[in-house]
Amino acid sequence: MKALLLRLEPVIWLLFGAGIMVGTLLLPGYLMTVALGGPLGLLPEGALSFERAYTIFSNPLGRLVLLAIIALPLWKGAHHTRALAVDLFGHHSDGLVGSLLYAVAAVGSVLGILAVLAI
């Protein structure tokens, strides 16, 4: 299992790096707009309406952004959790824990793709 993780390491680092970028740049702005802007009345009327959100997320670029917001932070979280598990439990558990965490991130990404395609 460890050999497979080592072969997939460049792909995992690519997804991890993209997850850091999305988690740092896009996700906080999105969450602050939706979680704070709407309830505080800082957004125009109808800015968070279902029709507007459906229009934005039904075009290809909106779907790509939505998929990035859903899937990439999963890979970032999996990689950070793997590093934490190595720090806590040692390198002998790295193969099993890494495989499990990356499998969860992969399943979450596939479910995110299916959900975005269903829009």
PDB file of N, CA and C in Angstrom:
ATOM      1  N   MET A   1       0.822  -1.187   0.000  1.00  0.00           N
ATOM      2  CA  MET A   1       0.000   0.000   0.000  1.00  0.00           C
ATOM      3  C   MET A   1       0.867   1.253   0.000  1.00  0.00           C
ATOM      4  N   LYS A   2       1.959   1.205   0.741  1.00  0.00           N
ATOM      5  CA  LYS A   2       2.865   2.349   0.826  1.00  0.00           C
ATOM      6  C   LYS A   2       3.478   2.653  -0.542  1.00  0.00           C
ATOM      7  N   ALA A   3       3.784   1.598  -1.332  1.00  0.00           N
ATOM      8  CA  ALA A   3       4.363   1.809  -2.659  1.00  0.00           C
ATOM      9  C   ALA A   3       3.375   2.520  -3.580  1.00  0.00           C
ATOM     10  N   LEU A   4       2.096   2.170  -3.480  1.00  0.00           N
ATOM     11  CA  LEU A   4       1.080   2.844  -4.291  1.00  0.00           C
ATOM     12  C   LEU A   4       0.961   4.314  -3.911  1.00  0.00           C
ATOM     13  N   LEU A   5       0.996   4.603  -2.610  1.00  0.00           N
ATOM     14  CA  LEU A   5       0.945   5.999  -2.163  1.00  0.00           C
ATOM     15  C   LEU A   5       2.147   6.787  -2.672  1.00  0.00           C
ATOM     16  N   LEU A   6       3.315   6.149  -2.702  1.00  0.00           N
ATOM     17  CA  LEU A   6       4.498   6.842  -3.195  1.00  0.00           C
ATOM     18  C   LEU A   6       4.398   7.125  -4.687  1.00  0.00           C
ATOM     19  N   ARG A   7       3.793   6.219  -5.456  1.00  0.00           N
ATOM     20  CA  ARG A   7       3.603   6.464  -6.886  1.00  0.00           C
ATOM     21  C   ARG A   7       2.572   7.542  -7.148  1.00  0.00           C
ATOM     22  N   LEU A   8       1.564   7.625  -6.292  1.00  0.00           N
ATOM     23  CA  LEU A   8       0.516   8.627  -6.461  1.00  0.00           C
ATOM     24  C   LEU A   8       0.849   9.961  -5.794  1.00  0.00           C
ATOM     25  N   GLU A   9       1.988  10.055  -5.157  1.00  0.00           N
ATOM     26  CA  GLU A   9       2.340  11.258  -4.402  1.00  0.00           C
ATOM     27  C   GLU A   9       2.306  12.544  -5.229  1.00  0.00           C
ATOM     28  N   PRO A  10       2.783  12.590  -6.486  1.00  0.00           N
ATOM     29  CA  PRO A  10       2.680  13.840  -7.252  1.00  0.00           C
ATOM     30  C   PRO A  10       1.234  14.274  -7.497  1.00  0.00           C
ATOM     31  N   VAL A  11       0.358  13.333  -7.768  1.00  0.00           N
ATOM     32  CA  VAL A  11      -1.052  13.666  -7.986  1.00  0.00           C
ATOM     33  C   VAL A  11      -1.683  14.152  -6.681  1.00  0.00           C
ATOM     34  N   ILE A  12      -1.354  13.484  -5.595  1.00  0.00           N
ATOM     35  CA  ILE A  12      -1.896  13.885  -4.293  1.00  0.00           C
ATOM     36  C   ILE A  12      -1.409  15.276  -3.922  1.00  0.00           C
ATOM     37  N   TRP A  13      -0.133  15.582  -4.187  1.00  0.00           N
ATOM     38  CA  TRP A  13       0.381  16.912  -3.887  1.00  0.00           C
ATOM     39  C   TRP A  13      -0.266  17.973  -4.768  1.00  0.00           C
ATOM     40  N   LEU A  14      -0.575  17.625  -6.020  1.00  0.00           N
ATOM     41  CA  LEU A  14      -1.274  18.565  -6.896  1.00  0.00           C
ATOM     42  C   LEU A  14      -2.653  18.890  -6.333  1.00  0.00           C
ATOM     43  N   LEU A  15      -3.399  17.866  -5.933  1.00  0.00           N
ATOM     44  CA  LEU A  15      -4.721  18.087  -5.357  1.00  0.00           C
ATOM     45  C   LEU A  15      -4.625  18.804  -4.010  1.00  0.00           C
ATOM     46  N   PHE A  16      -3.609  18.479  -3.219  1.00  0.00           N
ATOM     47  CA  PHE A  16      -3.400  19.138  -1.936  1.00  0.00           C
ATOM     48  C   PHE A  16      -3.096  20.615  -2.134  1.00  0.00           C
ATOM     49  N   GLY A  17      -2.213  20.932  -3.078  1.00  0.00           N
ATOM     50  CA  GLY A  17      -1.880  22.323  -3.353  1.00  0.00           C
ATOM     51  C   GLY A  17      -3.071  23.111  -3.871  1.00  0.00           C
ATOM     52  N   ALA A  18      -3.844  22.494  -4.742  1.00  0.00           N
ATOM     53  CA  ALA A  18      -5.059  23.157  -5.234  1.00  0.00           C
ATOM     54  C   ALA A  18      -6.063  23.335  -4.102  1.00  0.00           C
ATOM     55  N   GLY A  19      -6.136  22.364  -3.214  1.00  0.00           N
ATOM     56  CA  GLY A  19      -7.033  22.483  -2.064  1.00  0.00           C
ATOM     57  C   GLY A  19      -6.631  23.604  -1.129  1.00  0.00           C
ATOM     58  N   ILE A  20      -5.319  23.798  -0.962  1.00  0.00           N
ATOM     59  CA  ILE A  20      -4.847  24.920  -0.147  1.00  0.00           C
ATOM     60  C   ILE A  20      -5.241  26.232  -0.803  1.00  0.00           C
ATOM     61  N   MET A  21      -5.072  26.326  -2.120  1.00  0.00           N
ATOM     62  CA  MET A  21      -5.415  27.555  -2.830  1.00  0.00           C
ATOM     63  C   MET A  21      -6.903  27.852  -2.719  1.00  0.00           C
ATOM     64  N   VAL A  22      -7.726  26.859  -2.940  1.00  0.00           N
ATOM     65  CA  VAL A  22      -9.173  27.060  -2.847  1.00  0.00           C
ATOM     66  C   VAL A  22      -9.579  27.348  -1.409  1.00  0.00           C
ATOM     67  N   GLY A  23      -9.018  26.591  -0.483  1.00  0.00           N
ATOM     68  CA  GLY A  23      -9.367  26.788   0.921  1.00  0.00           C
ATOM     69  C   GLY A  23      -8.914  28.122   1.479  1.00  0.00           C
ATOM     70  N   THR A  24      -7.895  28.707   0.863  1.00  0.00           N
ATOM     71  CA  THR A  24      -7.377  29.984   1.347  1.00  0.00           C
ATOM     72  C   THR A  24      -7.987  31.168   0.613  1.00  0.00           C
ATOM     73  N   LEU A  25      -8.217  31.043  -0.679  1.00  0.00           N
ATOM     74  CA  LEU A  25      -8.674  32.187  -1.465  1.00  0.00           C
ATOM     75  C   LEU A  25     -10.179  32.212  -1.709  1.00  0.00           C
ATOM     76  N   LEU A  26     -10.746  31.117  -2.148  1.00  0.00           N
ATOM     77  CA  LEU A  26     -12.148  31.126  -2.569  1.00  0.00           C
ATOM     78  C   LEU A  26     -13.134  30.838  -1.439  1.00  0.00           C
ATOM     79  N   LEU A  27     -12.859  29.820  -0.657  1.00  0.00           N
ATOM     80  CA  LEU A  27     -13.817  29.373   0.349  1.00  0.00           C
ATOM     81  C   LEU A  27     -14.119  30.418   1.423  1.00  0.00           C
ATOM     82  N   PRO A  28     -13.132  31.130   1.969  1.00  0.00           N
ATOM     83  CA  PRO A  28     -13.486  32.142   2.978  1.00  0.00           C
ATOM     84  C   PRO A  28     -14.370  33.259   2.431  1.00  0.00           C
ATOM     85  N   GLY A  29     -14.085  33.711   1.225  1.00  0.00           N
ATOM     86  CA  GLY A  29     -14.927  34.747   0.625  1.00  0.00           C
ATOM     87  C   GLY A  29     -16.339  34.265   0.372  1.00  0.00           C
ATOM     88  N   TYR A  30     -16.446  33.037  -0.115  1.00  0.00           N
ATOM     89  CA  TYR A  30     -17.767  32.459  -0.357  1.00  0.00           C
ATOM     90  C   TYR A  30     -18.542  32.307   0.952  1.00  0.00           C
ATOM     91  N   LEU A  31     -17.881  31.784   1.970  1.00  0.00           N
ATOM     92  CA  LEU A  31     -18.564  31.576   3.251  1.00  0.00           C
ATOM     93  C   LEU A  31     -18.925  32.893   3.931  1.00  0.00           C
ATOM     94  N   MET A  32     -18.043  33.881   3.834  1.00  0.00           N
ATOM     95  CA  MET A  32     -18.361  35.172   4.449  1.00  0.00           C
ATOM     96  C   MET A  32     -19.535  35.844   3.738  1.00  0.00           C
ATOM     97  N   THR A  33     -19.593  35.709   2.422  1.00  0.00           N
ATOM     98  CA  THR A  33     -20.703  36.294   1.681  1.00  0.00           C
ATOM     99  C   THR A  33     -22.011  35.623   2.052  1.00  0.00           C
ATOM    100  N   VAL A  34     -22.017  34.304   2.052  1.00  0.00           N
ATOM    101  CA  VAL A  34     -23.256  33.570   2.318  1.00  0.00           C
ATOM    102  C   VAL A  34     -23.622  33.592   3.800  1.00  0.00           C
ATOM    103  N   ALA A  35     -22.636  33.378   4.674  1.00  0.00           N
ATOM    104  CA  ALA A  35     -22.929  33.250   6.100  1.00  0.00           C
ATOM    105  C   ALA A  35     -23.084  34.586   6.813  1.00  0.00           C
ATOM    106  N   LEU A  36     -22.416  35.626   6.330  1.00  0.00           N
ATOM    107  CA  LEU A  36     -22.509  36.921   7.001  1.00  0.00           C
ATOM    108  C   LEU A  36     -23.242  37.970   6.181  1.00  0.00           C
ATOM    109  N   GLY A  37     -22.956  38.025   4.899  1.00  0.00           N
ATOM    110  CA  GLY A  37     -23.555  39.060   4.054  1.00  0.00           C
ATOM    111  C   GLY A  37     -25.055  38.957   3.942  1.00  0.00           C
ATOM    112  N   GLY A  38     -25.547  37.745   3.782  1.00  0.00           N
ATOM    113  CA  GLY A  38     -26.993  37.554   3.675  1.00  0.00           C
ATOM    114  C   GLY A  38     -27.741  37.875   4.954  1.00  0.00           C
ATOM    115  N   PRO A  39     -27.391  37.248   6.069  1.00  0.00           N
ATOM    116  CA  PRO A  39     -28.127  37.522   7.317  1.00  0.00           C
ATOM    117  C   PRO A  39     -27.997  38.960   7.819  1.00  0.00           C
ATOM    118  N   LEU A  40     -26.877  39.614   7.541  1.00  0.00           N
ATOM    119  CA  LEU A  40     -26.706  40.985   8.003  1.00  0.00           C
ATOM    120  C   LEU A  40     -27.340  42.018   7.066  1.00  0.00           C
ATOM    121  N   GLY A  41     -27.891  41.556   5.942  1.00  0.00           N
ATOM    122  CA  GLY A  41     -28.548  42.458   5.007  1.00  0.00           C
ATOM    123  C   GLY A  41     -27.585  43.273   4.168  1.00  0.00           C
ATOM    124  N   LEU A  42     -26.365  42.802   3.996  1.00  0.00           N
ATOM    125  CA  LEU A  42     -25.376  43.520   3.209  1.00  0.00           C
ATOM    126  C   LEU A  42     -25.487  43.252   1.713  1.00  0.00           C
ATOM    127  N   LEU A  43     -26.257  42.246   1.342  1.00  0.00           N
ATOM    128  CA  LEU A  43     -26.414  41.882  -0.066  1.00  0.00           C
ATOM    129  C   LEU A  43     -27.719  42.432  -0.615  1.00  0.00           C
ATOM    130  N   PRO A  44     -27.763  42.714  -1.913  1.00  0.00           N
ATOM    131  CA  PRO A  44     -29.024  43.181  -2.501  1.00  0.00           C
ATOM    132  C   PRO A  44     -30.116  42.113  -2.424  1.00  0.00           C
ATOM    133  N   GLU A  45     -31.342  42.537  -2.515  1.00  0.00           N
ATOM    134  CA  GLU A  45     -32.492  41.627  -2.459  1.00  0.00           C
ATOM    135  C   GLU A  45     -32.399  40.600  -3.585  1.00  0.00           C
ATOM    136  N   GLY A  46     -32.528  39.342  -3.242  1.00  0.00           N
ATOM    137  CA  GLY A  46     -32.514  38.270  -4.233  1.00  0.00           C
ATOM    138  C   GLY A  46     -31.133  37.801  -4.636  1.00  0.00           C
ATOM    139  N   ALA A  47     -30.075  38.310  -3.986  1.00  0.00           N
ATOM    140  CA  ALA A  47     -28.719  37.917  -4.355  1.00  0.00           C
ATOM    141  C   ALA A  47     -28.454  36.444  -4.060  1.00  0.00           C
ATOM    142  N   LEU A  48     -29.079  35.922  -3.021  1.00  0.00           N
ATOM    143  CA  LEU A  48     -28.886  34.515  -2.657  1.00  0.00           C
ATOM    144  C   LEU A  48     -30.111  33.667  -2.982  1.00  0.00           C
ATOM    145  N   SER A  49     -30.901  34.117  -3.929  1.00  0.00           N
ATOM    146  CA  SER A  49     -32.106  33.364  -4.279  1.00  0.00           C
ATOM    147  C   SER A  49     -31.735  32.075  -5.011  1.00  0.00           C
ATOM    148  N   PHE A  50     -32.634  31.125  -4.962  1.00  0.00           N
ATOM    149  CA  PHE A  50     -32.397  29.841  -5.616  1.00  0.00           C
ATOM    150  C   PHE A  50     -32.234  30.015  -7.116  1.00  0.00           C
ATOM    151  N   GLU A  51     -33.048  30.845  -7.724  1.00  0.00           N
ATOM    152  CA  GLU A  51     -32.990  31.033  -9.177  1.00  0.00           C
ATOM    153  C   GLU A  51     -31.637  31.586  -9.606  1.00  0.00           C
ATOM    154  N   ARG A  52     -31.130  32.553  -8.858  1.00  0.00           N
ATOM    155  CA  ARG A  52     -29.830  33.139  -9.195  1.00  0.00           C
ATOM    156  C   ARG A  52     -28.710  32.120  -8.990  1.00  0.00           C
ATOM    157  N   ALA A  53     -28.739  31.392  -7.879  1.00  0.00           N
ATOM    158  CA  ALA A  53     -27.713  30.378  -7.630  1.00  0.00           C
ATOM    159  C   ALA A  53     -27.769  29.279  -8.688  1.00  0.00           C
ATOM    160  N   TYR A  54     -28.964  28.885  -9.082  1.00  0.00           N
ATOM    161  CA  TYR A  54     -29.103  27.854 -10.112  1.00  0.00           C
ATOM    162  C   TYR A  54     -28.552  28.344 -11.446  1.00  0.00           C
ATOM    163  N   THR A  55     -28.793  29.612 -11.766  1.00  0.00           N
ATOM    164  CA  THR A  55     -28.275  30.181 -13.008  1.00  0.00           C
ATOM    165  C   THR A  55     -26.748  30.205 -12.990  1.00  0.00           C
ATOM    166  N   ILE A  56     -26.171  30.590 -11.871  1.00  0.00           N
ATOM    167  CA  ILE A  56     -24.709  30.657 -11.778  1.00  0.00           C
ATOM    168  C   ILE A  56     -24.101  29.262 -11.856  1.00  0.00           C
ATOM    169  N   PHE A  57     -24.652  28.314 -11.115  1.00  0.00           N
ATOM    170  CA  PHE A  57     -24.037  26.993 -11.035  1.00  0.00           C
ATOM    171  C   PHE A  57     -24.504  26.033 -12.117  1.00  0.00           C
ATOM    172  N   SER A  58     -25.313  26.493 -13.053  1.00  0.00           N
ATOM    173  CA  SER A  58     -25.688  25.620 -14.160  1.00  0.00           C
ATOM    174  C   SER A  58     -24.838  25.886 -15.402  1.00  0.00           C
ATOM    175  N   ASN A  59     -24.027  26.938 -15.405  1.00  0.00           N
ATOM    176  CA  ASN A  59     -23.117  27.110 -16.538  1.00  0.00           C
ATOM    177  C   ASN A  59     -21.798  26.399 -16.232  1.00  0.00           C
ATOM    178  N   PRO A  60     -20.998  26.087 -17.242  1.00  0.00           N
ATOM    179  CA  PRO A  60     -19.796  25.269 -17.025  1.00  0.00           C
ATOM    180  C   PRO A  60     -18.772  25.888 -16.054  1.00  0.00           C
ATOM    181  N   LEU A  61     -18.543  27.182 -16.132  1.00  0.00           N
ATOM    182  CA  LEU A  61     -17.578  27.802 -15.231  1.00  0.00           C
ATOM    183  C   LEU A  61     -18.078  27.785 -13.781  1.00  0.00           C
ATOM    184  N   GLY A  62     -19.355  28.036 -13.584  1.00  0.00           N
ATOM    185  CA  GLY A  62     -19.929  27.971 -12.241  1.00  0.00           C
ATOM    186  C   GLY A  62     -19.863  26.573 -11.667  1.00  0.00           C
ATOM    187  N   ARG A  63     -20.075  25.560 -12.509  1.00  0.00           N
ATOM    188  CA  ARG A  63     -19.968  24.171 -12.053  1.00  0.00           C
ATOM    189  C   ARG A  63     -18.538  23.827 -11.656  1.00  0.00           C
ATOM    190  N   LEU A  64     -17.584  24.340 -12.427  1.00  0.00           N
ATOM    191  CA  LEU A  64     -16.185  24.085 -12.105  1.00  0.00           C
ATOM    192  C   LEU A  64     -15.806  24.723 -10.768  1.00  0.00           C
ATOM    193  N   VAL A  65     -16.255  25.946 -10.531  1.00  0.00           N
ATOM    194  CA  VAL A  65     -15.980  26.613  -9.247  1.00  0.00           C
ATOM    195  C   VAL A  65     -16.651  25.857  -8.099  1.00  0.00           C
ATOM    196  N   LEU A  66     -17.900  25.454  -8.297  1.00  0.00           N
ATOM    197  CA  LEU A  66     -18.603  24.704  -7.249  1.00  0.00           C
ATOM    198  C   LEU A  66     -17.908  23.383  -6.952  1.00  0.00           C
ATOM    199  N   LEU A  67     -17.470  22.699  -7.988  1.00  0.00           N
ATOM    200  CA  LEU A  67     -16.751  21.443  -7.782  1.00  0.00           C
ATOM    201  C   LEU A  67     -15.437  21.677  -7.043  1.00  0.00           C
ATOM    202  N   ALA A  68     -14.739  22.761  -7.378  1.00  0.00           N
ATOM    203  CA  ALA A  68     -13.491  23.078  -6.681  1.00  0.00           C
ATOM    204  C   ALA A  68     -13.741  23.370  -5.210  1.00  0.00           C
ATOM    205  N   ILE A  69     -14.829  24.070  -4.913  1.00  0.00           N
ATOM    206  CA  ILE A  69     -15.155  24.398  -3.528  1.00  0.00           C
ATOM    207  C   ILE A  69     -15.544  23.147  -2.739  1.00  0.00           C
ATOM    208  N   ILE A  70     -16.111  22.153  -3.428  1.00  0.00           N
ATOM    209  CA  ILE A  70     -16.525  20.924  -2.745  1.00  0.00           C
ATOM    210  C   ILE A  70     -15.366  19.941  -2.607  1.00  0.00           C
ATOM    211  N   ALA A  71     -14.674  19.643  -3.705  1.00  0.00           N
ATOM    212  CA  ALA A  71     -13.748  18.512  -3.734  1.00  0.00           C
ATOM    213  C   ALA A  71     -12.342  18.824  -3.234  1.00  0.00           C
ATOM    214  N   LEU A  72     -11.795  19.950  -3.608  1.00  0.00           N
ATOM    215  CA  LEU A  72     -10.384  20.190  -3.304  1.00  0.00           C
ATOM    216  C   LEU A  72     -10.084  20.332  -1.811  1.00  0.00           C
ATOM    217  N   PRO A  73     -10.939  20.982  -1.021  1.00  0.00           N
ATOM    218  CA  PRO A  73     -10.650  21.001   0.417  1.00  0.00           C
ATOM    219  C   PRO A  73     -10.664  19.612   1.060  1.00  0.00           C
ATOM    220  N   LEU A  74     -11.348  18.651   0.454  1.00  0.00           N
ATOM    221  CA  LEU A  74     -11.303  17.281   0.973  1.00  0.00           C
ATOM    222  C   LEU A  74      -9.884  16.713   0.891  1.00  0.00           C
ATOM    223  N   TRP A  75      -9.190  16.985  -0.211  1.00  0.00           N
ATOM    224  CA  TRP A  75      -7.819  16.497  -0.379  1.00  0.00           C
ATOM    225  C   TRP A  75      -6.869  17.212   0.569  1.00  0.00           C
ATOM    226  N   LYS A  76      -7.092  18.491   0.764  1.00  0.00           N
ATOM    227  CA  LYS A  76      -6.280  19.251   1.726  1.00  0.00           C
ATOM    228  C   LYS A  76      -6.457  18.677   3.132  1.00  0.00           C
ATOM    229  N   GLY A  77      -7.694  18.445   3.513  1.00  0.00           N
ATOM    230  CA  GLY A  77      -7.967  17.878   4.832  1.00  0.00           C
ATOM    231  C   GLY A  77      -7.404  16.485   4.994  1.00  0.00           C
ATOM    232  N   ALA A  78      -7.502  15.666   3.945  1.00  0.00           N
ATOM    233  CA  ALA A  78      -6.955  14.303   4.013  1.00  0.00           C
ATOM    234  C   ALA A  78      -5.445  14.339   4.205  1.00  0.00           C
ATOM    235  N   HIS A  79      -4.784  15.228   3.490  1.00  0.00           N
ATOM    236  CA  HIS A  79      -3.325  15.281   3.600  1.00  0.00           C
ATOM    237  C   HIS A  79      -2.885  15.798   4.967  1.00  0.00           C
ATOM    238  N   HIS A  80      -3.567  16.817   5.471  1.00  0.00           N
ATOM    239  CA  HIS A  80      -3.222  17.324   6.799  1.00  0.00           C
ATOM    240  C   HIS A  80      -3.509  16.287   7.883  1.00  0.00           C
ATOM    241  N   THR A  81      -4.609  15.572   7.751  1.00  0.00           N
ATOM    242  CA  THR A  81      -4.948  14.546   8.737  1.00  0.00           C
ATOM    243  C   THR A  81      -3.954  13.395   8.679  1.00  0.00           C
ATOM    244  N   ARG A  82      -3.480  13.063   7.476  1.00  0.00           N
ATOM    245  CA  ARG A  82      -2.455  12.021   7.342  1.00  0.00           C
ATOM    246  C   ARG A  82      -1.171  12.449   8.048  1.00  0.00           C
ATOM    247  N   ALA A  83      -0.767  13.699   7.849  1.00  0.00           N
ATOM    248  CA  ALA A  83       0.447  14.189   8.509  1.00  0.00           C
ATOM    249  C   ALA A  83       0.277  14.182  10.030  1.00  0.00           C
ATOM    250  N   LEU A  84      -0.912  14.528  10.508  1.00  0.00           N
ATOM    251  CA  LEU A  84      -1.175  14.488  11.946  1.00  0.00           C
ATOM    252  C   LEU A  84      -1.103  13.056  12.476  1.00  0.00           C
ATOM    253  N   ALA A  85      -1.669  12.105  11.718  1.00  0.00           N
ATOM    254  CA  ALA A  85      -1.630  10.708  12.152  1.00  0.00           C
ATOM    255  C   ALA A  85      -0.196  10.188  12.201  1.00  0.00           C
ATOM    256  N   VAL A  86       0.641  10.596  11.245  1.00  0.00           N
ATOM    257  CA  VAL A  86       2.045  10.187  11.267  1.00  0.00           C
ATOM    258  C   VAL A  86       2.739  10.769  12.490  1.00  0.00           C
ATOM    259  N   ASP A  87       2.438  12.023  12.814  1.00  0.00           N
ATOM    260  CA  ASP A  87       3.041  12.643  13.997  1.00  0.00           C
ATOM    261  C   ASP A  87       2.594  11.956  15.289  1.00  0.00           C
ATOM    262  N   LEU A  88       1.334  11.579  15.359  1.00  0.00           N
ATOM    263  CA  LEU A  88       0.817  10.977  16.578  1.00  0.00           C
ATOM    264  C   LEU A  88       1.154   9.503  16.725  1.00  0.00           C
ATOM    265  N   PHE A  89       1.036   8.748  15.637  1.00  0.00           N
ATOM    266  CA  PHE A  89       1.144   7.295  15.725  1.00  0.00           C
ATOM    267  C   PHE A  89       2.402   6.713  15.083  1.00  0.00           C
ATOM    268  N   GLY A  90       3.199   7.523  14.429  1.00  0.00           N
ATOM    269  CA  GLY A  90       4.424   7.038  13.807  1.00  0.00           C
ATOM    270  C   GLY A  90       4.225   6.633  12.356  1.00  0.00           C
ATOM    271  N   HIS A  91       5.345   6.365  11.700  1.00  0.00           N
ATOM    272  CA  HIS A  91       5.328   6.046  10.269  1.00  0.00           C
ATOM    273  C   HIS A  91       4.785   4.657   9.965  1.00  0.00           C
ATOM    274  N   HIS A  92       4.720   3.774  10.936  1.00  0.00           N
ATOM    275  CA  HIS A  92       4.248   2.419  10.663  1.00  0.00           C
ATOM    276  C   HIS A  92       2.759   2.385  10.297  1.00  0.00           C
ATOM    277  N   SER A  93       1.995   3.401  10.690  1.00  0.00           N
ATOM    278  CA  SER A  93       0.565   3.442  10.354  1.00  0.00           C
ATOM    279  C   SER A  93       0.274   4.288   9.125  1.00  0.00           C
ATOM    280  N   ASP A  94       1.316   4.812   8.488  1.00  0.00           N
ATOM    281  CA  ASP A  94       1.115   5.754   7.390  1.00  0.00           C
ATOM    282  C   ASP A  94       0.409   5.126   6.187  1.00  0.00           C
ATOM    283  N   GLY A  95       0.763   3.913   5.836  1.00  0.00           N
ATOM    284  CA  GLY A  95       0.163   3.279   4.661  1.00  0.00           C
ATOM    285  C   GLY A  95      -1.337   3.085   4.809  1.00  0.00           C
ATOM    286  N   LEU A  96      -1.753   2.547   5.933  1.00  0.00           N
ATOM    287  CA  LEU A  96      -3.175   2.295   6.158  1.00  0.00           C
ATOM    288  C   LEU A  96      -3.963   3.592   6.321  1.00  0.00           C
ATOM    289  N   VAL A  97      -3.452   4.495   7.147  1.00  0.00           N
ATOM    290  CA  VAL A  97      -4.162   5.750   7.405  1.00  0.00           C
ATOM    291  C   VAL A  97      -4.219   6.601   6.149  1.00  0.00           C
ATOM    292  N   GLY A  98      -3.090   6.712   5.436  1.00  0.00           N
ATOM    293  CA  GLY A  98      -3.067   7.490   4.195  1.00  0.00           C
ATOM    294  C   GLY A  98      -4.025   6.931   3.160  1.00  0.00           C
ATOM    295  N   SER A  99      -4.030   5.624   3.005  1.00  0.00           N
ATOM    296  CA  SER A  99      -4.936   5.002   2.034  1.00  0.00           C
ATOM    297  C   SER A  99      -6.393   5.255   2.393  1.00  0.00           C
ATOM    298  N   LEU A 100      -6.714   5.125   3.660  1.00  0.00           N
ATOM    299  CA  LEU A 100      -8.087   5.350   4.102  1.00  0.00           C
ATOM    300  C   LEU A 100      -8.510   6.804   3.890  1.00  0.00           C
ATOM    301  N   LEU A 101      -7.657   7.742   4.268  1.00  0.00           N
ATOM    302  CA  LEU A 101      -8.003   9.154   4.135  1.00  0.00           C
ATOM    303  C   LEU A 101      -8.121   9.576   2.675  1.00  0.00           C
ATOM    304  N   TYR A 102      -7.205   9.116   1.837  1.00  0.00           N
ATOM    305  CA  TYR A 102      -7.282   9.474   0.421  1.00  0.00           C
ATOM    306  C   TYR A 102      -8.456   8.783  -0.263  1.00  0.00           C
ATOM    307  N   ALA A 103      -8.835   7.604   0.208  1.00  0.00           N
ATOM    308  CA  ALA A 103     -10.031   6.952  -0.335  1.00  0.00           C
ATOM    309  C   ALA A 103     -11.281   7.747   0.020  1.00  0.00           C
ATOM    310  N   VAL A 104     -11.343   8.256   1.241  1.00  0.00           N
ATOM    311  CA  VAL A 104     -12.480   9.096   1.640  1.00  0.00           C
ATOM    312  C   VAL A 104     -12.531  10.365   0.790  1.00  0.00           C
ATOM    313  N   ALA A 105     -11.365  10.983   0.548  1.00  0.00           N
ATOM    314  CA  ALA A 105     -11.319  12.179  -0.286  1.00  0.00           C
ATOM    315  C   ALA A 105     -11.722  11.857  -1.729  1.00  0.00           C
ATOM    316  N   ALA A 106     -11.303  10.712  -2.235  1.00  0.00           N
ATOM    317  CA  ALA A 106     -11.666  10.326  -3.600  1.00  0.00           C
ATOM    318  C   ALA A 106     -13.166  10.066  -3.716  1.00  0.00           C
ATOM    319  N   VAL A 107     -13.735   9.358  -2.742  1.00  0.00           N
ATOM    320  CA  VAL A 107     -15.182   9.094  -2.765  1.00  0.00           C
ATOM    321  C   VAL A 107     -15.957  10.406  -2.643  1.00  0.00           C
ATOM    322  N   GLY A 108     -15.513  11.301  -1.752  1.00  0.00           N
ATOM    323  CA  GLY A 108     -16.158  12.602  -1.630  1.00  0.00           C
ATOM    324  C   GLY A 108     -16.068  13.418  -2.907  1.00  0.00           C
ATOM    325  N   SER A 109     -14.929  13.329  -3.592  1.00  0.00           N
ATOM    326  CA  SER A 109     -14.778  14.048  -4.860  1.00  0.00           C
ATOM    327  C   SER A 109     -15.698  13.487  -5.925  1.00  0.00           C
ATOM    328  N   VAL A 110     -15.796  12.172  -5.996  1.00  0.00           N
ATOM    329  CA  VAL A 110     -16.695  11.547  -6.987  1.00  0.00           C
ATOM    330  C   VAL A 110     -18.150  11.906  -6.673  1.00  0.00           C
ATOM    331  N   LEU A 111     -18.521  11.875  -5.401  1.00  0.00           N
ATOM    332  CA  LEU A 111     -19.887  12.289  -5.036  1.00  0.00           C
ATOM    333  C   LEU A 111     -20.115  13.755  -5.349  1.00  0.00           C
ATOM    334  N   GLY A 112     -19.107  14.589  -5.165  1.00  0.00           N
ATOM    335  CA  GLY A 112     -19.223  16.001  -5.528  1.00  0.00           C
ATOM    336  C   GLY A 112     -19.388  16.183  -7.024  1.00  0.00           C
ATOM    337  N   ILE A 113     -18.639  15.420  -7.818  1.00  0.00           N
ATOM    338  CA  ILE A 113     -18.782  15.482  -9.274  1.00  0.00           C
ATOM    339  C   ILE A 113     -20.186  15.070  -9.678  1.00  0.00           C
ATOM    340  N   LEU A 114     -20.684  13.981  -9.104  1.00  0.00           N
ATOM    341  CA  LEU A 114     -22.042  13.534  -9.439  1.00  0.00           C
ATOM    342  C   LEU A 114     -23.081  14.561  -9.041  1.00  0.00           C
ATOM    343  N   ALA A 115     -22.902  15.198  -7.884  1.00  0.00           N
ATOM    344  CA  ALA A 115     -23.859  16.199  -7.439  1.00  0.00           C
ATOM    345  C   ALA A 115     -23.832  17.424  -8.345  1.00  0.00           C
ATOM    346  N   VAL A 116     -22.643  17.846  -8.752  1.00  0.00           N
ATOM    347  CA  VAL A 116     -22.530  19.017  -9.638  1.00  0.00           C
ATOM    348  C   VAL A 116     -23.085  18.701 -11.014  1.00  0.00           C
ATOM    349  N   LEU A 117     -22.855  17.498 -11.504  1.00  0.00           N
ATOM    350  CA  LEU A 117     -23.409  17.131 -12.823  1.00  0.00           C
ATOM    351  C   LEU A 117     -24.927  16.984 -12.788  1.00  0.00           C
ATOM    352  N   ALA A 118     -25.476  16.731 -11.620  1.00  0.00           N
ATOM    353  CA  ALA A 118     -26.929  16.571 -11.515  1.00  0.00           C
ATOM    354  C   ALA A 118     -27.665  17.913 -11.519  1.00  0.00           C
ATOM    355  N   ILE A 119     -26.938  19.015 -11.419  1.00  0.00           N
ATOM    356  CA  ILE A 119     -27.579  20.341 -11.405  1.00  0.00           C
ATOM    357  C   ILE A 119     -28.139  20.640 -12.776  1.00  0.00           C
TER     358      ILE A 119
END
